[in-house]
Amino acid sequence: MAWPTRLRIALGAAKGLAYLHEDCHPRIIHRDIKSANILLDNNFEAMVADFGLAKLTYDGITHVSTRVMGTFGYLAPEYASSGKLTEKSDVYSYGVMLVELLTGRRPIDATAHLVLEDGLVEWARPALSRALADGDYGAVADPRLQGSYDPVEMARVVASAAACVRHSAKKRPKMSQIVRALEGDMSLEDLNDGVRPGQSRLFGEEAGSYSSDMNRTKEVAVASPEYSGRFGRPSPVSSDRPNSEETSPVERQPPHL
């Protein structure tokens, strides 16, 4: 897939999520953002699909406490470890998808043992930081691109991905900010809270926390009879953590576009 097409998909998906999070009333948290749930038309325009796990949220509500469901490799760490769902959980999942578009790598190696596999984000955080600091994107760009990309556009996508997969939900940007960054209407310093991209120690400091959170969730899932090992497939992955809002897994419904 050529670079302009990848950028078009990234921007289209970002606009769709920004609409769900900021322009819908009540707001919609998708809860299962992944590459398989972004549909493309004949012109490669992206459409967010499959709202079977979606949750509604209202002004003044800080988070939705719910059962952990989704796809390993895309789950935000705070949601995976506590069941607290916010729009920033979708932002994280979008960031993982953005790293996929950049690198051509899968979020989790399905051939590796579930509990031992760290996943794409563990590798990507320091790699994205180094790429932004050095201005050399060879280590994070999909080799199939063969270096055929606009370096300014690449910097925007790399910075956006790095911001989205931050461990702290509060430090992740809104999807409308990602749209502006991808379109070149927002400086990368503003996207990173005034820090020059690549100069933050954030990635190294957060790596251990992310790994710990995700390993706990994976271990719970392995023990659950509802676990499905088919990474990236439509089957939801849920933990058996009880909560008052949801007593059974949400049945998947056809996409509503």
C-alpha atoms as a PDB file:
ATOM      1  CA  MET A   1       0.000   0.000   0.000  1.00  0.00           C
ATOM      2  CA  ALA A   2       1.443   3.367  -1.054  1.00  0.00           C
ATOM      3  CA  TRP A   3       2.140   6.105   1.480  1.00  0.00           C
ATOM      4  CA  PRO A   4      -0.608   8.548   0.310  1.00  0.00           C
ATOM      5  CA  THR A   5      -3.173   5.765   0.718  1.00  0.00           C
ATOM      6  CA  ARG A   6      -1.976   4.974   4.237  1.00  0.00           C
ATOM      7  CA  LEU A   7      -2.165   8.630   5.185  1.00  0.00           C
ATOM      8  CA  ARG A   8      -5.679   8.893   3.726  1.00  0.00           C
ATOM      9  CA  ILE A   9      -6.799   5.922   5.826  1.00  0.00           C
ATOM     10  CA  ALA A  10      -5.203   7.331   8.983  1.00  0.00           C
ATOM     11  CA  LEU A  11      -6.855  10.711   8.516  1.00  0.00           C
ATOM     12  CA  GLY A  12     -10.258   9.268   7.616  1.00  0.00           C
ATOM     13  CA  ALA A  13     -10.318   7.012  10.671  1.00  0.00           C
ATOM     14  CA  ALA A  14      -9.219   9.913  12.894  1.00  0.00           C
ATOM     15  CA  LYS A  15     -12.037  12.106  11.577  1.00  0.00           C
ATOM     16  CA  GLY A  16     -14.565   9.351  12.196  1.00  0.00           C
ATOM     17  CA  LEU A  17     -13.450   8.901  15.798  1.00  0.00           C
ATOM     18  CA  ALA A  18     -13.339  12.651  16.392  1.00  0.00           C
ATOM     19  CA  TYR A  19     -16.969  12.817  15.272  1.00  0.00           C
ATOM     20  CA  LEU A  20     -18.004  10.004  17.631  1.00  0.00           C
ATOM     21  CA  HIS A  21     -16.157  11.510  20.591  1.00  0.00           C
ATOM     22  CA  GLU A  22     -16.870  15.202  20.179  1.00  0.00           C
ATOM     23  CA  ASP A  23     -19.810  15.817  17.821  1.00  0.00           C
ATOM     24  CA  CYS A  24     -22.268  13.054  18.746  1.00  0.00           C
ATOM     25  CA  HIS A  25     -24.746  13.601  21.598  1.00  0.00           C
ATOM     26  CA  PRO A  26     -24.467  11.464  23.625  1.00  0.00           C
ATOM     27  CA  ARG A  27     -20.838  10.792  22.822  1.00  0.00           C
ATOM     28  CA  ILE A  28     -19.850   7.330  21.609  1.00  0.00           C
ATOM     29  CA  ILE A  29     -16.859   5.312  22.780  1.00  0.00           C
ATOM     30  CA  HIS A  30     -16.255   2.622  20.178  1.00  0.00           C
ATOM     31  CA  ARG A  31     -14.400   0.245  22.516  1.00  0.00           C
ATOM     32  CA  ASP A  32     -12.991  -2.012  19.786  1.00  0.00           C
ATOM     33  CA  ILE A  33     -10.962   0.152  17.411  1.00  0.00           C
ATOM     34  CA  LYS A  34      -8.640  -1.995  15.318  1.00  0.00           C
ATOM     35  CA  SER A  35      -7.643  -2.296  11.687  1.00  0.00           C
ATOM     36  CA  ALA A  36     -10.323  -4.933  11.010  1.00  0.00           C
ATOM     37  CA  ASN A  37     -13.011  -2.455  12.066  1.00  0.00           C
ATOM     38  CA  ILE A  38     -11.964   0.276   9.634  1.00  0.00           C
ATOM     39  CA  LEU A  39     -13.730  -0.313   6.326  1.00  0.00           C
ATOM     40  CA  LEU A  40     -12.543   1.175   3.036  1.00  0.00           C
ATOM     41  CA  ASP A  41     -14.551   2.188  -0.013  1.00  0.00           C
ATOM     42  CA  ASN A  42     -13.320   2.034  -3.602  1.00  0.00           C
ATOM     43  CA  ASN A  43     -11.394   5.287  -3.081  1.00  0.00           C
ATOM     44  CA  PHE A  44      -9.789   4.077   0.166  1.00  0.00           C
ATOM     45  CA  GLU A  45     -11.909   6.442   2.242  1.00  0.00           C
ATOM     46  CA  ALA A  46     -12.009   5.062   5.777  1.00  0.00           C
ATOM     47  CA  MET A  47     -15.207   4.374   7.710  1.00  0.00           C
ATOM     48  CA  VAL A  48     -15.351   3.324  11.365  1.00  0.00           C
ATOM     49  CA  ALA A  49     -17.469   0.160  11.604  1.00  0.00           C
ATOM     50  CA  ASP A  50     -18.776  -2.483  14.036  1.00  0.00           C
ATOM     51  CA  PHE A  51     -20.371  -0.758  17.016  1.00  0.00           C
ATOM     52  CA  GLY A  52     -21.330  -3.970  18.801  1.00  0.00           C
ATOM     53  CA  LEU A  53     -19.215  -3.129  21.872  1.00  0.00           C
ATOM     54  CA  ALA A  54     -19.794   0.646  21.834  1.00  0.00           C
ATOM     55  CA  LYS A  55     -20.752   2.601  24.952  1.00  0.00           C
ATOM     56  CA  LEU A  56     -22.534   5.947  25.276  1.00  0.00           C
ATOM     57  CA  THR A  57     -21.236   8.652  27.591  1.00  0.00           C
ATOM     58  CA  TYR A  58     -22.549  12.046  28.620  1.00  0.00           C
ATOM     59  CA  ASP A  59     -21.159  15.431  29.593  1.00  0.00           C
ATOM     60  CA  GLY A  60     -19.870  15.440  33.154  1.00  0.00           C
ATOM     61  CA  ILE A  61     -19.180  11.687  33.169  1.00  0.00           C
ATOM     62  CA  THR A  62     -15.467  11.054  33.669  1.00  0.00           C
ATOM     63  CA  HIS A  63     -15.502   7.391  32.667  1.00  0.00           C
ATOM     64  CA  VAL A  64     -17.666   4.330  32.133  1.00  0.00           C
ATOM     65  CA  SER A  65     -16.952   1.324  34.346  1.00  0.00           C
ATOM     66  CA  THR A  66     -17.564  -1.793  32.319  1.00  0.00           C
ATOM     67  CA  ARG A  67     -16.379  -5.292  31.620  1.00  0.00           C
ATOM     68  CA  VAL A  68     -13.101  -5.492  29.728  1.00  0.00           C
ATOM     69  CA  MET A  69     -13.754  -6.555  26.153  1.00  0.00           C
ATOM     70  CA  GLY A  70     -11.895  -5.971  22.924  1.00  0.00           C
ATOM     71  CA  THR A  71      -8.811  -7.281  21.172  1.00  0.00           C
ATOM     72  CA  PHE A  72      -5.422  -7.820  22.802  1.00  0.00           C
ATOM     73  CA  GLY A  73      -2.773  -5.583  21.343  1.00  0.00           C
ATOM     74  CA  TYR A  74      -5.254  -2.709  21.021  1.00  0.00           C
ATOM     75  CA  LEU A  75      -6.503  -2.428  24.619  1.00  0.00           C
ATOM     76  CA  ALA A  76      -5.560   0.744  26.494  1.00  0.00           C
ATOM     77  CA  PRO A  77      -3.658  -0.185  29.675  1.00  0.00           C
ATOM     78  CA  GLU A  78      -5.975   1.658  32.096  1.00  0.00           C
ATOM     79  CA  TYR A  79      -9.032   0.006  30.544  1.00  0.00           C
ATOM     80  CA  ALA A  80      -7.396  -3.422  30.479  1.00  0.00           C
ATOM     81  CA  SER A  81      -6.375  -3.241  34.137  1.00  0.00           C
ATOM     82  CA  SER A  82      -9.399  -1.526  35.711  1.00  0.00           C
ATOM     83  CA  GLY A  83     -12.348  -1.585  33.290  1.00  0.00           C
ATOM     84  CA  LYS A  84     -12.489   2.231  33.312  1.00  0.00           C
ATOM     85  CA  LEU A  85     -13.392   3.280  29.786  1.00  0.00           C
ATOM     86  CA  THR A  86     -13.020   6.785  28.302  1.00  0.00           C
ATOM     87  CA  GLU A  87     -12.604   8.337  24.870  1.00  0.00           C
ATOM     88  CA  LYS A  88      -8.858   8.160  25.518  1.00  0.00           C
ATOM     89  CA  SER A  89      -9.147   4.357  25.429  1.00  0.00           C
ATOM     90  CA  ASP A  90     -10.201   4.663  21.783  1.00  0.00           C
ATOM     91  CA  VAL A  91      -7.341   7.109  21.203  1.00  0.00           C
ATOM     92  CA  TYR A  92      -4.869   4.488  22.394  1.00  0.00           C
ATOM     93  CA  SER A  93      -6.377   1.820  20.134  1.00  0.00           C
ATOM     94  CA  TYR A  94      -6.223   4.226  17.206  1.00  0.00           C
ATOM     95  CA  GLY A  95      -2.547   4.808  18.002  1.00  0.00           C
ATOM     96  CA  VAL A  96      -1.854   1.078  17.770  1.00  0.00           C
ATOM     97  CA  MET A  97      -3.592   1.015  14.399  1.00  0.00           C
ATOM     98  CA  LEU A  98      -1.493   3.986  13.307  1.00  0.00           C
ATOM     99  CA  VAL A  99       1.674   2.096  14.233  1.00  0.00           C
ATOM    100  CA  GLU A 100       0.386  -0.790  12.109  1.00  0.00           C
ATOM    101  CA  LEU A 101      -0.024   1.538   9.128  1.00  0.00           C
ATOM    102  CA  LEU A 102       3.470   2.905   9.686  1.00  0.00           C
ATOM    103  CA  THR A 103       5.347  -0.321  10.207  1.00  0.00           C
ATOM    104  CA  GLY A 104       3.313  -3.052   8.540  1.00  0.00           C
ATOM    105  CA  ARG A 105       3.599  -5.074  11.762  1.00  0.00           C
ATOM    106  CA  ARG A 106       0.797  -6.820  13.634  1.00  0.00           C
ATOM    107  CA  PRO A 107      -0.076  -5.629  17.172  1.00  0.00           C
ATOM    108  CA  ILE A 108       0.673  -9.052  18.659  1.00  0.00           C
ATOM    109  CA  ASP A 109       2.496 -12.032  17.225  1.00  0.00           C
ATOM    110  CA  ALA A 110      -0.147 -14.763  17.182  1.00  0.00           C
ATOM    111  CA  THR A 111       2.582 -17.429  17.100  1.00  0.00           C
ATOM    112  CA  ALA A 112       4.011 -16.292  20.444  1.00  0.00           C
ATOM    113  CA  HIS A 113       2.790 -17.426  23.851  1.00  0.00           C
ATOM    114  CA  LEU A 114       0.055 -15.072  25.033  1.00  0.00           C
ATOM    115  CA  VAL A 115       1.420 -14.207  28.464  1.00  0.00           C
ATOM    116  CA  LEU A 116       5.005 -13.732  27.314  1.00  0.00           C
ATOM    117  CA  GLU A 117       4.339 -11.648  24.222  1.00  0.00           C
ATOM    118  CA  ASP A 118       4.920  -7.917  24.765  1.00  0.00           C
ATOM    119  CA  GLY A 119       3.356  -6.712  21.537  1.00  0.00           C
ATOM    120  CA  LEU A 120       3.873  -3.902  19.089  1.00  0.00           C
ATOM    121  CA  VAL A 121       3.581  -0.993  21.528  1.00  0.00           C
ATOM    122  CA  GLU A 122       6.465  -2.212  23.692  1.00  0.00           C
ATOM    123  CA  TRP A 123       8.714  -2.072  20.644  1.00  0.00           C
ATOM    124  CA  ALA A 124       7.186   1.048  19.105  1.00  0.00           C
ATOM    125  CA  ARG A 125       7.428   3.525  21.980  1.00  0.00           C
ATOM    126  CA  PRO A 126      11.236   3.842  22.056  1.00  0.00           C
ATOM    127  CA  ALA A 127      11.491   3.356  18.283  1.00  0.00           C
ATOM    128  CA  LEU A 128       9.086   6.230  17.590  1.00  0.00           C
ATOM    129  CA  SER A 129      10.932   8.446  20.061  1.00  0.00           C
ATOM    130  CA  ARG A 130      14.290   7.764  18.411  1.00  0.00           C
ATOM    131  CA  ALA A 131      12.857   8.365  14.940  1.00  0.00           C
ATOM    132  CA  LEU A 132      11.483  11.755  15.975  1.00  0.00           C
ATOM    133  CA  ALA A 133      14.722  12.743  17.697  1.00  0.00           C
ATOM    134  CA  ASP A 134      16.954  11.735  14.767  1.00  0.00           C
ATOM    135  CA  GLY A 135      14.637  12.522  11.879  1.00  0.00           C
ATOM    136  CA  ASP A 136      15.432   9.052  10.547  1.00  0.00           C
ATOM    137  CA  TYR A 137      12.265   7.028   9.983  1.00  0.00           C
ATOM    138  CA  GLY A 138      13.843   3.961   8.410  1.00  0.00           C
ATOM    139  CA  ALA A 139      13.443   1.860  11.556  1.00  0.00           C
ATOM    140  CA  VAL A 140       9.700   2.522  11.863  1.00  0.00           C
ATOM    141  CA  ALA A 141       8.647   2.787   8.210  1.00  0.00           C
ATOM    142  CA  ASP A 142       7.283  -0.332   6.540  1.00  0.00           C
ATOM    143  CA  PRO A 143      10.117  -1.719   4.362  1.00  0.00           C
ATOM    144  CA  ARG A 144       7.573  -2.239   1.586  1.00  0.00           C
ATOM    145  CA  LEU A 145       7.363   1.540   1.225  1.00  0.00           C
ATOM    146  CA  GLN A 146      11.005   1.436   0.064  1.00  0.00           C
ATOM    147  CA  GLY A 147      11.560   4.927   1.437  1.00  0.00           C
ATOM    148  CA  SER A 148       8.825   6.389  -0.764  1.00  0.00           C
ATOM    149  CA  TYR A 149       7.111   8.837   1.591  1.00  0.00           C
ATOM    150  CA  ASP A 150       7.035  12.534   2.382  1.00  0.00           C
ATOM    151  CA  PRO A 151       9.276  13.035   5.460  1.00  0.00           C
ATOM    152  CA  VAL A 152       7.135  15.896   6.776  1.00  0.00           C
ATOM    153  CA  GLU A 153       3.996  13.767   6.580  1.00  0.00           C
ATOM    154  CA  MET A 154       5.879  10.849   8.104  1.00  0.00           C
ATOM    155  CA  ALA A 155       6.925  13.033  11.049  1.00  0.00           C
ATOM    156  CA  ARG A 156       3.284  13.989  11.653  1.00  0.00           C
ATOM    157  CA  VAL A 157       2.143  10.374  11.632  1.00  0.00           C
ATOM    158  CA  VAL A 158       4.997   9.190  13.854  1.00  0.00           C
ATOM    159  CA  ALA A 159       4.373  11.997  16.371  1.00  0.00           C
ATOM    160  CA  SER A 160       0.632  11.289  16.347  1.00  0.00           C
ATOM    161  CA  ALA A 161       1.183   7.588  16.950  1.00  0.00           C
ATOM    162  CA  ALA A 162       3.629   8.298  19.781  1.00  0.00           C
ATOM    163  CA  ALA A 163       1.153  10.660  21.453  1.00  0.00           C
ATOM    164  CA  CYS A 164      -1.758   8.229  21.144  1.00  0.00           C
ATOM    165  CA  VAL A 165      -0.017   5.223  22.724  1.00  0.00           C
ATOM    166  CA  ARG A 166       1.114   7.032  25.865  1.00  0.00           C
ATOM    167  CA  HIS A 167       0.559   4.959  28.979  1.00  0.00           C
ATOM    168  CA  SER A 168      -1.205   7.813  30.783  1.00  0.00           C
ATOM    169  CA  ALA A 169      -4.690   8.434  29.379  1.00  0.00           C
ATOM    170  CA  LYS A 170      -4.601  12.077  30.510  1.00  0.00           C
ATOM    171  CA  LYS A 171      -1.509  12.724  28.381  1.00  0.00           C
ATOM    172  CA  ARG A 172      -3.055  11.382  25.192  1.00  0.00           C
ATOM    173  CA  PRO A 173      -4.499  13.962  22.785  1.00  0.00           C
ATOM    174  CA  LYS A 174      -8.100  14.242  21.661  1.00  0.00           C
ATOM    175  CA  MET A 175      -8.906  12.794  18.261  1.00  0.00           C
ATOM    176  CA  SER A 176      -9.655  16.290  16.933  1.00  0.00           C
ATOM    177  CA  GLN A 177      -6.059  17.219  17.799  1.00  0.00           C
ATOM    178  CA  ILE A 178      -4.818  14.178  15.886  1.00  0.00           C
ATOM    179  CA  VAL A 179      -6.859  15.271  12.861  1.00  0.00           C
ATOM    180  CA  ARG A 180      -5.262  18.721  13.014  1.00  0.00           C
ATOM    181  CA  ALA A 181      -1.784  17.241  13.426  1.00  0.00           C
ATOM    182  CA  LEU A 182      -2.186  14.900  10.459  1.00  0.00           C
ATOM    183  CA  GLU A 183      -3.484  17.759   8.330  1.00  0.00           C
ATOM    184  CA  GLY A 184      -0.528  19.941   9.328  1.00  0.00           C
ATOM    185  CA  ASP A 185      -2.676  22.462  11.214  1.00  0.00           C
ATOM    186  CA  MET A 186      -1.083  21.781  14.610  1.00  0.00           C
ATOM    187  CA  SER A 187       2.569  21.842  15.589  1.00  0.00           C
ATOM    188  CA  LEU A 188       4.107  18.620  16.826  1.00  0.00           C
ATOM    189  CA  GLU A 189       5.278  20.465  19.952  1.00  0.00           C
ATOM    190  CA  ASP A 190       1.656  21.358  20.789  1.00  0.00           C
ATOM    191  CA  LEU A 191       0.646  17.742  20.236  1.00  0.00           C
ATOM    192  CA  ASN A 192       3.308  16.728  22.771  1.00  0.00           C
ATOM    193  CA  ASP A 193       2.424  19.315  25.440  1.00  0.00           C
ATOM    194  CA  GLY A 194       5.162  21.701  24.386  1.00  0.00           C
ATOM    195  CA  VAL A 195       7.890  19.049  24.430  1.00  0.00           C
ATOM    196  CA  ARG A 196       9.954  18.741  21.290  1.00  0.00           C
ATOM    197  CA  PRO A 197       9.115  15.361  19.698  1.00  0.00           C
ATOM    198  CA  GLY A 198      11.710  12.737  20.531  1.00  0.00           C
ATOM    199  CA  GLN A 199      13.113  14.631  23.524  1.00  0.00           C
ATOM    200  CA  SER A 200      10.797  13.208  26.190  1.00  0.00           C
ATOM    201  CA  ARG A 201      11.797  10.393  28.568  1.00  0.00           C
ATOM    202  CA  LEU A 202       8.168   9.343  28.595  1.00  0.00           C
ATOM    203  CA  PHE A 203       8.490   6.105  26.653  1.00  0.00           C
ATOM    204  CA  GLY A 204      11.150   4.497  28.808  1.00  0.00           C
ATOM    205  CA  GLU A 205       9.424   5.523  32.028  1.00  0.00           C
ATOM    206  CA  GLU A 206       6.084   4.066  30.941  1.00  0.00           C
ATOM    207  CA  ALA A 207       7.227   0.787  29.406  1.00  0.00           C
ATOM    208  CA  GLY A 208       7.337  -1.148  32.669  1.00  0.00           C
ATOM    209  CA  SER A 209       3.900   0.051  33.762  1.00  0.00           C
ATOM    210  CA  TYR A 210       2.332  -0.928  30.452  1.00  0.00           C
ATOM    211  CA  SER A 211       3.890  -4.381  30.462  1.00  0.00           C
ATOM    212  CA  SER A 212       2.760  -5.032  34.030  1.00  0.00           C
ATOM    213  CA  ASP A 213      -0.828  -3.931  33.357  1.00  0.00           C
ATOM    214  CA  MET A 214      -1.174  -5.958  30.171  1.00  0.00           C
ATOM    215  CA  ASN A 215       0.380  -9.118  31.591  1.00  0.00           C
ATOM    216  CA  ARG A 216      -2.123  -9.088  34.475  1.00  0.00           C
ATOM    217  CA  THR A 217      -5.005  -8.783  32.021  1.00  0.00           C
ATOM    218  CA  LYS A 218      -3.643 -11.519  29.751  1.00  0.00           C
ATOM    219  CA  GLU A 219      -3.303 -13.909  32.683  1.00  0.00           C
ATOM    220  CA  VAL A 220      -6.932 -13.279  33.660  1.00  0.00           C
ATOM    221  CA  ALA A 221      -8.061 -13.915  30.083  1.00  0.00           C
ATOM    222  CA  VAL A 222      -6.130 -17.181  29.804  1.00  0.00           C
ATOM    223  CA  ALA A 223      -8.021 -18.506  32.824  1.00  0.00           C
ATOM    224  CA  SER A 224     -11.385 -17.392  31.419  1.00  0.00           C
ATOM    225  CA  PRO A 225     -13.521 -19.866  29.401  1.00  0.00           C
ATOM    226  CA  GLU A 226     -14.504 -16.942  27.148  1.00  0.00           C
ATOM    227  CA  TYR A 227     -10.955 -16.369  25.952  1.00  0.00           C
ATOM    228  CA  SER A 228     -10.343 -16.554  22.201  1.00  0.00           C
ATOM    229  CA  GLY A 229      -6.750 -16.764  21.007  1.00  0.00           C
ATOM    230  CA  ARG A 230      -7.572 -15.562  17.517  1.00  0.00           C
ATOM    231  CA  PHE A 231      -5.859 -12.199  17.658  1.00  0.00           C
ATOM    232  CA  GLY A 232      -7.463  -9.517  15.543  1.00  0.00           C
ATOM    233  CA  ARG A 233     -10.535 -11.607  14.712  1.00  0.00           C
ATOM    234  CA  PRO A 234     -14.081 -10.347  15.389  1.00  0.00           C
ATOM    235  CA  SER A 235     -14.487 -12.481  18.542  1.00  0.00           C
ATOM    236  CA  PRO A 236     -14.341 -10.251  21.641  1.00  0.00           C
ATOM    237  CA  VAL A 237     -11.826 -10.994  24.366  1.00  0.00           C
ATOM    238  CA  SER A 238     -13.176 -10.416  27.843  1.00  0.00           C
ATOM    239  CA  SER A 239     -11.952 -10.773  31.390  1.00  0.00           C
ATOM    240  CA  ASP A 240     -14.088 -12.347  34.082  1.00  0.00           C
ATOM    241  CA  ARG A 241     -13.883  -9.226  36.228  1.00  0.00           C
ATOM    242  CA  PRO A 242     -17.391  -8.637  37.697  1.00  0.00           C
ATOM    243  CA  ASN A 243     -19.072  -5.257  37.502  1.00  0.00           C
ATOM    244  CA  SER A 244     -22.521  -3.814  37.981  1.00  0.00           C
ATOM    245  CA  GLU A 245     -23.120  -2.490  34.479  1.00  0.00           C
ATOM    246  CA  GLU A 246     -22.563  -5.507  32.294  1.00  0.00           C
ATOM    247  CA  THR A 247     -23.315  -9.068  33.369  1.00  0.00           C
ATOM    248  CA  SER A 248     -22.633 -10.794  30.066  1.00  0.00           C
ATOM    249  CA  PRO A 249     -20.543 -10.122  26.969  1.00  0.00           C
ATOM    250  CA  VAL A 250     -22.138  -7.780  24.469  1.00  0.00           C
ATOM    251  CA  GLU A 251     -23.304  -9.642  21.398  1.00  0.00           C
ATOM    252  CA  ARG A 252     -21.658  -8.404  18.242  1.00  0.00           C
ATOM    253  CA  GLN A 253     -24.017  -6.639  15.859  1.00  0.00           C
ATOM    254  CA  PRO A 254     -23.692  -5.752  12.156  1.00  0.00           C
ATOM    255  CA  PRO A 255     -21.872  -2.453  11.503  1.00  0.00           C
ATOM    256  CA  HIS A 256     -23.888   0.771  11.606  1.00  0.00           C
ATOM    257  CA  LEU A 257     -22.197   3.320   9.376  1.00  0.00           C
END
